[in-house]
N, C-alpha and C. Protein backbone atom coordinates (compact mmCIF):
# COMPACT_ATOMS: atom_id res chain seq x y z
N MET A 1 118.95 7.69 -4.48
CA MET A 1 118.80 6.47 -5.08
C MET A 1 117.51 5.94 -4.55
N THR A 2 116.71 5.43 -5.50
CA THR A 2 115.36 4.79 -5.08
C THR A 2 115.69 3.32 -4.92
N GLN A 3 115.14 2.78 -3.77
CA GLN A 3 115.19 1.49 -3.39
C GLN A 3 113.95 0.68 -3.75
N ILE A 4 114.01 -0.36 -4.55
CA ILE A 4 112.67 -1.05 -4.94
C ILE A 4 112.61 -2.29 -3.96
N ARG A 5 111.48 -2.28 -3.20
CA ARG A 5 111.30 -3.39 -2.31
C ARG A 5 110.61 -4.50 -3.03
N LYS A 6 111.06 -5.79 -2.82
CA LYS A 6 110.27 -6.97 -3.40
C LYS A 6 109.08 -7.11 -2.42
N ARG A 7 108.07 -7.78 -3.04
CA ARG A 7 106.87 -8.18 -2.21
C ARG A 7 107.35 -9.03 -1.10
N PRO A 8 106.64 -8.82 0.10
CA PRO A 8 107.14 -9.53 1.26
C PRO A 8 106.70 -11.04 1.03
N PRO A 9 107.43 -11.87 1.67
CA PRO A 9 106.98 -13.41 1.53
C PRO A 9 105.67 -13.56 2.06
N THR A 10 105.01 -14.52 1.45
CA THR A 10 103.64 -14.82 2.07
C THR A 10 103.56 -15.87 3.07
N SER A 11 104.76 -16.57 3.25
CA SER A 11 104.64 -17.64 4.33
C SER A 11 106.19 -17.50 4.95
N PRO A 12 106.18 -18.07 6.26
CA PRO A 12 107.46 -18.31 6.90
C PRO A 12 108.58 -19.11 6.17
N LYS A 13 108.08 -20.08 5.41
CA LYS A 13 108.92 -20.90 4.56
C LYS A 13 109.61 -20.06 3.57
N GLN A 14 108.76 -19.15 2.77
CA GLN A 14 109.40 -18.39 1.77
C GLN A 14 110.37 -17.42 2.49
N ALA A 15 109.97 -16.85 3.71
CA ALA A 15 110.75 -15.92 4.31
C ALA A 15 112.16 -16.55 4.73
N ALA A 16 112.14 -17.68 5.19
CA ALA A 16 113.37 -18.37 5.59
C ALA A 16 114.23 -18.70 4.33
N ALA A 17 113.79 -18.85 3.13
CA ALA A 17 114.47 -19.11 2.02
C ALA A 17 115.16 -17.81 1.41
N ARG A 18 114.74 -16.61 1.83
CA ARG A 18 115.23 -15.47 1.38
C ARG A 18 116.33 -15.00 2.23
N SER A 19 117.54 -14.71 1.57
CA SER A 19 118.56 -14.19 2.33
C SER A 19 118.60 -12.71 2.61
N ARG A 20 118.88 -12.46 3.85
CA ARG A 20 118.75 -10.98 4.27
C ARG A 20 119.92 -10.74 5.29
N PRO A 21 120.29 -9.50 5.39
CA PRO A 21 121.27 -9.13 6.39
C PRO A 21 121.18 -9.73 7.82
N ILE A 22 119.87 -9.67 8.28
CA ILE A 22 119.51 -10.16 9.57
C ILE A 22 120.09 -11.70 9.80
N ASP A 23 120.22 -12.47 8.72
CA ASP A 23 120.60 -13.89 8.79
C ASP A 23 121.82 -13.98 9.46
N LYS A 24 122.84 -12.99 8.87
CA LYS A 24 124.16 -13.08 9.40
C LYS A 24 124.39 -12.37 10.72
N LEU A 25 123.57 -11.55 11.09
CA LEU A 25 123.59 -10.68 12.31
C LEU A 25 123.11 -11.39 13.61
N LEU A 26 122.28 -12.37 13.31
CA LEU A 26 121.63 -12.96 14.59
C LEU A 26 122.62 -14.10 14.96
N ASP A 27 123.70 -13.62 15.62
CA ASP A 27 124.84 -14.58 16.00
C ASP A 27 124.68 -15.36 17.24
N PRO A 28 124.52 -16.56 17.32
CA PRO A 28 124.26 -17.44 18.45
C PRO A 28 125.00 -17.19 19.52
N GLU A 29 126.46 -16.98 19.35
CA GLU A 29 127.44 -16.72 20.22
C GLU A 29 127.23 -15.53 20.98
N LEU A 30 126.79 -14.49 20.28
CA LEU A 30 126.49 -13.24 20.92
C LEU A 30 125.35 -13.22 21.96
N PHE A 31 124.28 -13.85 21.48
CA PHE A 31 123.16 -14.05 22.32
C PHE A 31 123.33 -14.90 23.43
N LYS A 32 124.03 -16.19 23.20
CA LYS A 32 124.45 -16.93 24.36
C LYS A 32 125.27 -16.08 25.23
N ALA A 33 126.22 -15.28 24.89
CA ALA A 33 127.03 -14.64 25.90
C ALA A 33 126.05 -13.62 26.57
N LEU A 34 125.16 -13.03 25.99
CA LEU A 34 124.28 -11.99 26.66
C LEU A 34 123.05 -12.60 27.50
N CYS A 35 122.91 -13.79 27.56
CA CYS A 35 121.66 -14.44 28.10
C CYS A 35 121.89 -14.66 29.61
N ASP A 36 123.09 -14.54 30.10
CA ASP A 36 123.41 -14.90 31.50
C ASP A 36 123.40 -13.60 32.34
N PRO A 37 122.66 -13.49 33.44
CA PRO A 37 122.74 -12.31 34.33
C PRO A 37 124.16 -12.04 34.92
N THR A 38 124.91 -12.99 35.24
CA THR A 38 126.27 -12.57 35.79
C THR A 38 127.03 -12.02 34.56
N ARG A 39 126.92 -12.62 33.44
CA ARG A 39 127.82 -11.96 32.35
C ARG A 39 127.45 -10.55 32.03
N LEU A 40 126.15 -10.29 32.12
CA LEU A 40 125.58 -9.05 31.89
C LEU A 40 126.09 -8.04 33.06
N LEU A 41 126.10 -8.44 34.15
CA LEU A 41 126.78 -7.74 35.34
C LEU A 41 128.31 -7.40 35.07
N LEU A 42 129.05 -8.40 34.45
CA LEU A 42 130.34 -8.12 34.14
C LEU A 42 130.65 -7.26 33.07
N ILE A 43 129.87 -7.35 32.14
CA ILE A 43 129.85 -6.34 30.93
C ILE A 43 129.67 -4.90 31.53
N ALA A 44 128.66 -4.74 32.27
CA ALA A 44 128.26 -3.45 32.90
C ALA A 44 129.41 -3.03 33.77
N CYS A 45 129.98 -3.83 34.57
CA CYS A 45 131.16 -3.40 35.42
C CYS A 45 132.34 -2.86 34.59
N LEU A 46 132.55 -3.69 33.58
CA LEU A 46 133.87 -3.38 32.73
C LEU A 46 133.42 -2.16 32.02
N ALA A 47 132.29 -1.90 31.51
CA ALA A 47 131.85 -0.85 30.74
C ALA A 47 131.97 0.47 31.48
N LYS A 48 131.58 0.41 32.74
CA LYS A 48 131.49 1.55 33.57
C LYS A 48 132.89 1.97 34.18
N CYS A 49 133.76 0.91 34.30
CA CYS A 49 135.14 1.06 34.56
C CYS A 49 135.94 1.75 33.44
N GLY A 50 135.63 1.42 32.27
CA GLY A 50 136.33 2.01 31.01
C GLY A 50 137.70 1.78 30.75
N ARG A 51 138.26 0.71 31.52
CA ARG A 51 139.73 0.42 31.25
C ARG A 51 139.91 -1.18 31.32
N HIS A 52 141.16 -1.56 30.96
CA HIS A 52 141.46 -2.96 31.28
C HIS A 52 141.41 -3.27 32.67
N CYS A 53 140.75 -4.31 33.00
CA CYS A 53 140.75 -4.80 34.49
C CYS A 53 141.13 -6.31 34.49
N SER A 54 141.84 -6.71 35.55
CA SER A 54 142.21 -8.01 35.77
C SER A 54 141.04 -8.86 36.27
N VAL A 55 141.21 -10.15 36.02
CA VAL A 55 140.04 -11.05 36.39
C VAL A 55 139.63 -10.97 37.85
N SER A 56 140.67 -10.75 38.70
CA SER A 56 140.33 -10.47 40.22
C SER A 56 139.55 -9.28 40.31
N GLU A 57 139.93 -8.26 39.71
CA GLU A 57 139.28 -6.88 39.93
C GLU A 57 137.77 -7.06 39.44
N VAL A 58 137.56 -7.69 38.31
CA VAL A 58 136.25 -7.94 37.76
C VAL A 58 135.38 -8.88 38.69
N ALA A 59 136.08 -9.84 39.39
CA ALA A 59 135.43 -10.79 40.21
C ALA A 59 134.80 -10.09 41.54
N GLU A 60 135.31 -8.91 41.81
CA GLU A 60 134.84 -8.20 43.00
C GLU A 60 133.54 -7.51 42.51
N CYS A 61 133.09 -7.50 41.38
CA CYS A 61 131.72 -6.93 40.96
C CYS A 61 130.68 -7.82 41.48
N CYS A 62 130.97 -9.17 41.46
CA CYS A 62 129.82 -10.03 41.90
C CYS A 62 130.29 -11.12 42.84
N SER A 63 129.36 -11.79 43.34
CA SER A 63 129.73 -12.82 44.39
C SER A 63 129.94 -14.12 43.72
N VAL A 64 130.67 -14.32 42.71
CA VAL A 64 130.89 -15.57 41.98
C VAL A 64 132.49 -15.83 42.08
N ASP A 65 132.68 -17.12 42.16
CA ASP A 65 134.20 -17.51 42.26
C ASP A 65 135.00 -17.13 41.12
N MET A 66 136.25 -16.73 41.35
CA MET A 66 137.04 -16.25 40.38
C MET A 66 137.22 -17.08 39.14
N SER A 67 137.31 -18.32 39.29
CA SER A 67 137.31 -19.34 38.16
C SER A 67 136.17 -19.23 37.34
N VAL A 68 134.96 -19.07 37.92
CA VAL A 68 133.73 -18.93 37.13
C VAL A 68 133.69 -17.67 36.38
N VAL A 69 134.15 -16.61 37.04
CA VAL A 69 134.23 -15.31 36.41
C VAL A 69 135.18 -15.27 35.25
N SER A 70 136.22 -16.00 35.30
CA SER A 70 137.26 -16.18 34.31
C SER A 70 136.60 -16.92 33.07
N ARG A 71 135.81 -17.90 33.31
CA ARG A 71 135.18 -18.64 32.24
C ARG A 71 134.11 -17.71 31.57
N HIS A 72 133.35 -16.86 32.44
CA HIS A 72 132.30 -15.94 31.78
C HIS A 72 133.10 -14.97 31.02
N LEU A 73 134.13 -14.47 31.43
CA LEU A 73 134.99 -13.39 30.69
C LEU A 73 135.51 -13.95 29.30
N SER A 74 135.86 -15.22 29.34
CA SER A 74 136.40 -15.89 28.14
C SER A 74 135.26 -16.11 27.25
N MET A 75 134.01 -16.31 27.63
CA MET A 75 132.98 -16.50 26.69
C MET A 75 132.54 -15.16 26.04
N LEU A 76 132.57 -14.16 26.74
CA LEU A 76 132.38 -12.76 26.38
C LEU A 76 133.37 -12.31 25.28
N GLU A 77 134.64 -12.75 25.54
CA GLU A 77 135.69 -12.40 24.59
C GLU A 77 135.38 -13.17 23.19
N LYS A 78 135.14 -14.55 23.49
CA LYS A 78 134.81 -15.22 22.21
C LYS A 78 133.68 -14.67 21.32
N ALA A 79 132.65 -13.98 22.03
CA ALA A 79 131.60 -13.52 21.46
C ALA A 79 131.80 -12.14 20.83
N GLY A 80 133.12 -11.62 20.98
CA GLY A 80 133.50 -10.49 20.58
C GLY A 80 133.11 -9.10 21.27
N ILE A 81 132.44 -9.37 22.53
CA ILE A 81 132.11 -8.19 23.41
C ILE A 81 133.44 -7.65 24.16
N LEU A 82 134.35 -8.55 24.52
CA LEU A 82 135.41 -8.10 25.28
C LEU A 82 136.75 -8.44 24.55
N GLU A 83 137.84 -7.69 24.83
CA GLU A 83 139.16 -8.08 24.46
C GLU A 83 140.01 -8.43 25.58
N SER A 84 141.13 -9.26 25.39
CA SER A 84 141.84 -9.38 26.59
C SER A 84 143.20 -9.27 26.17
N THR A 85 144.16 -8.96 27.22
CA THR A 85 145.61 -8.87 27.11
C THR A 85 146.14 -9.60 28.28
N LYS A 86 147.29 -10.07 27.97
CA LYS A 86 147.95 -10.91 29.02
C LYS A 86 149.39 -10.23 29.54
N GLN A 87 149.58 -10.12 30.74
CA GLN A 87 150.73 -9.50 31.35
C GLN A 87 151.23 -10.53 32.30
N GLY A 88 152.15 -11.35 31.92
CA GLY A 88 152.66 -12.38 32.68
C GLY A 88 151.61 -13.46 32.83
N ARG A 89 151.18 -13.73 34.11
CA ARG A 89 150.10 -14.60 34.30
C ARG A 89 148.71 -13.99 34.57
N THR A 90 148.70 -12.69 34.57
CA THR A 90 147.46 -11.96 34.65
C THR A 90 146.86 -11.70 33.30
N VAL A 91 145.50 -11.96 33.23
CA VAL A 91 144.73 -11.56 32.08
C VAL A 91 143.80 -10.28 32.43
N PHE A 92 143.98 -9.33 31.43
CA PHE A 92 143.19 -8.07 31.63
C PHE A 92 142.07 -8.09 30.56
N TYR A 93 140.87 -7.78 30.86
CA TYR A 93 139.82 -7.61 29.91
C TYR A 93 139.22 -6.16 29.89
N ARG A 94 138.68 -5.95 28.79
CA ARG A 94 138.08 -4.59 28.50
C ARG A 94 137.04 -4.75 27.42
N VAL A 95 135.97 -3.94 27.46
CA VAL A 95 134.93 -3.95 26.53
C VAL A 95 135.40 -3.33 25.25
N GLN A 96 135.09 -4.03 24.15
CA GLN A 96 135.34 -3.70 22.78
C GLN A 96 134.10 -2.83 22.39
N PHE A 97 134.14 -1.46 22.93
CA PHE A 97 132.87 -0.60 22.76
C PHE A 97 132.57 -0.47 21.22
N GLN A 98 133.52 -0.04 20.46
CA GLN A 98 133.16 0.19 19.05
C GLN A 98 132.56 -1.01 18.39
N SER A 99 133.10 -2.16 18.43
CA SER A 99 132.59 -3.23 17.80
C SER A 99 131.30 -3.81 18.31
N PHE A 100 131.20 -3.70 19.68
CA PHE A 100 130.03 -4.20 20.46
C PHE A 100 128.83 -3.36 19.94
N VAL A 101 129.11 -1.94 20.03
CA VAL A 101 127.93 -1.04 19.86
C VAL A 101 127.62 -1.20 18.25
N GLN A 102 128.60 -1.40 17.41
CA GLN A 102 128.29 -1.50 16.02
C GLN A 102 127.60 -2.71 15.57
N SER A 103 127.85 -3.77 16.36
CA SER A 103 127.07 -5.01 16.12
C SER A 103 125.55 -4.97 16.60
N LEU A 104 125.42 -4.17 17.69
CA LEU A 104 123.98 -3.97 18.13
C LEU A 104 123.21 -3.02 17.20
N ARG A 105 123.90 -1.94 16.66
CA ARG A 105 123.37 -1.13 15.70
C ARG A 105 123.01 -1.76 14.33
N ASP A 106 123.88 -2.61 13.90
CA ASP A 106 123.67 -3.18 12.51
C ASP A 106 122.44 -4.17 12.84
N LEU A 107 122.50 -4.96 13.89
CA LEU A 107 121.23 -5.95 14.19
C LEU A 107 119.87 -5.01 14.16
N ALA A 108 120.04 -3.95 14.94
CA ALA A 108 118.76 -3.06 15.08
C ALA A 108 118.27 -2.61 13.70
N ASP A 109 119.26 -2.16 12.87
CA ASP A 109 118.97 -1.77 11.43
C ASP A 109 118.39 -2.96 10.58
N ALA A 110 118.96 -4.07 10.79
CA ALA A 110 118.55 -5.32 9.95
C ALA A 110 117.10 -5.73 10.36
N VAL A 111 116.85 -5.72 11.77
CA VAL A 111 115.51 -5.94 12.23
C VAL A 111 114.46 -4.82 11.58
N GLU A 112 114.84 -3.67 11.74
CA GLU A 112 113.98 -2.62 11.22
C GLU A 112 113.73 -2.72 9.69
N ASP A 113 114.72 -3.17 8.94
CA ASP A 113 114.68 -3.42 7.49
C ASP A 113 113.70 -4.45 7.18
N CYS A 114 113.43 -5.38 8.08
CA CYS A 114 112.42 -6.40 7.85
C CYS A 114 110.94 -5.94 8.00
N CYS A 115 110.90 -4.71 8.36
CA CYS A 115 109.58 -4.19 8.65
C CYS A 115 109.09 -3.50 7.22
N PRO A 116 108.23 -4.22 6.43
CA PRO A 116 107.90 -3.79 5.23
C PRO A 116 106.99 -2.47 5.29
N ASP A 117 107.47 -1.34 4.68
CA ASP A 117 106.70 -0.16 4.69
C ASP A 117 106.41 0.53 5.96
N GLY A 118 107.04 0.11 7.00
CA GLY A 118 106.60 0.62 8.35
C GLY A 118 105.36 -0.05 8.80
N SER A 119 104.89 -1.12 8.28
CA SER A 119 103.53 -1.70 8.72
C SER A 119 103.67 -2.30 10.01
N CYS A 120 104.74 -2.71 10.41
CA CYS A 120 104.95 -3.29 11.73
C CYS A 120 104.96 -2.23 12.95
N CYS A 121 105.11 -1.05 12.61
CA CYS A 121 105.21 0.00 13.63
C CYS A 121 103.88 0.21 14.28
N THR A 122 103.95 0.51 15.57
CA THR A 122 102.79 0.89 16.30
C THR A 122 102.25 2.36 16.00
N PRO A 123 100.97 2.62 16.14
CA PRO A 123 100.63 4.00 15.95
C PRO A 123 101.33 4.89 16.92
N GLY A 124 101.90 5.97 16.16
CA GLY A 124 102.71 6.83 17.06
C GLY A 124 104.13 6.70 16.56
N GLY A 125 104.50 5.70 15.89
CA GLY A 125 105.87 5.45 15.38
C GLY A 125 106.91 5.19 16.42
N GLY A 126 106.52 4.54 17.42
CA GLY A 126 107.49 4.09 18.47
C GLY A 126 108.68 3.44 18.21
N CYS A 127 108.72 2.71 17.09
CA CYS A 127 109.85 1.93 16.68
C CYS A 127 110.83 2.49 15.80
N GLY A 128 110.54 3.77 15.26
CA GLY A 128 111.51 4.54 14.55
C GLY A 128 111.44 4.17 13.08
N CYS A 129 110.59 3.28 12.64
CA CYS A 129 110.37 2.87 11.12
C CYS A 129 110.00 4.11 10.57
N LYS A 130 110.37 4.23 9.20
CA LYS A 130 109.91 5.38 8.34
C LYS A 130 108.92 4.78 7.33
N PRO A 131 107.62 5.03 7.49
CA PRO A 131 106.74 4.42 6.61
C PRO A 131 106.75 5.26 5.28
């Protein structure tokens, strides 16, 4: 199937008015969750562990108070990066690998789709665009 590309917008104002998949994929909650070094450390800890971990187990990954770790984990869950389960009074968190990876892939594809005819690629094709 041949895809016909419209002419690229000539101004940022025209570009903003055009609806594209990237508009929905640039989720502020996701970026807010990923912008803190402690939250990134917690994601890495949970990802490497590969199982549900309690808040106290995750708190051992960093030198931050357990209540602060709990708030960070809650924010990561709200952003769709983690999932939680509760057993009694203990909350366990785990990385939602499939949905997290798919979100990042979809965003990368949408950013790449904004590159008209591969013209934004560097010589040598480092970005993976197909001119």
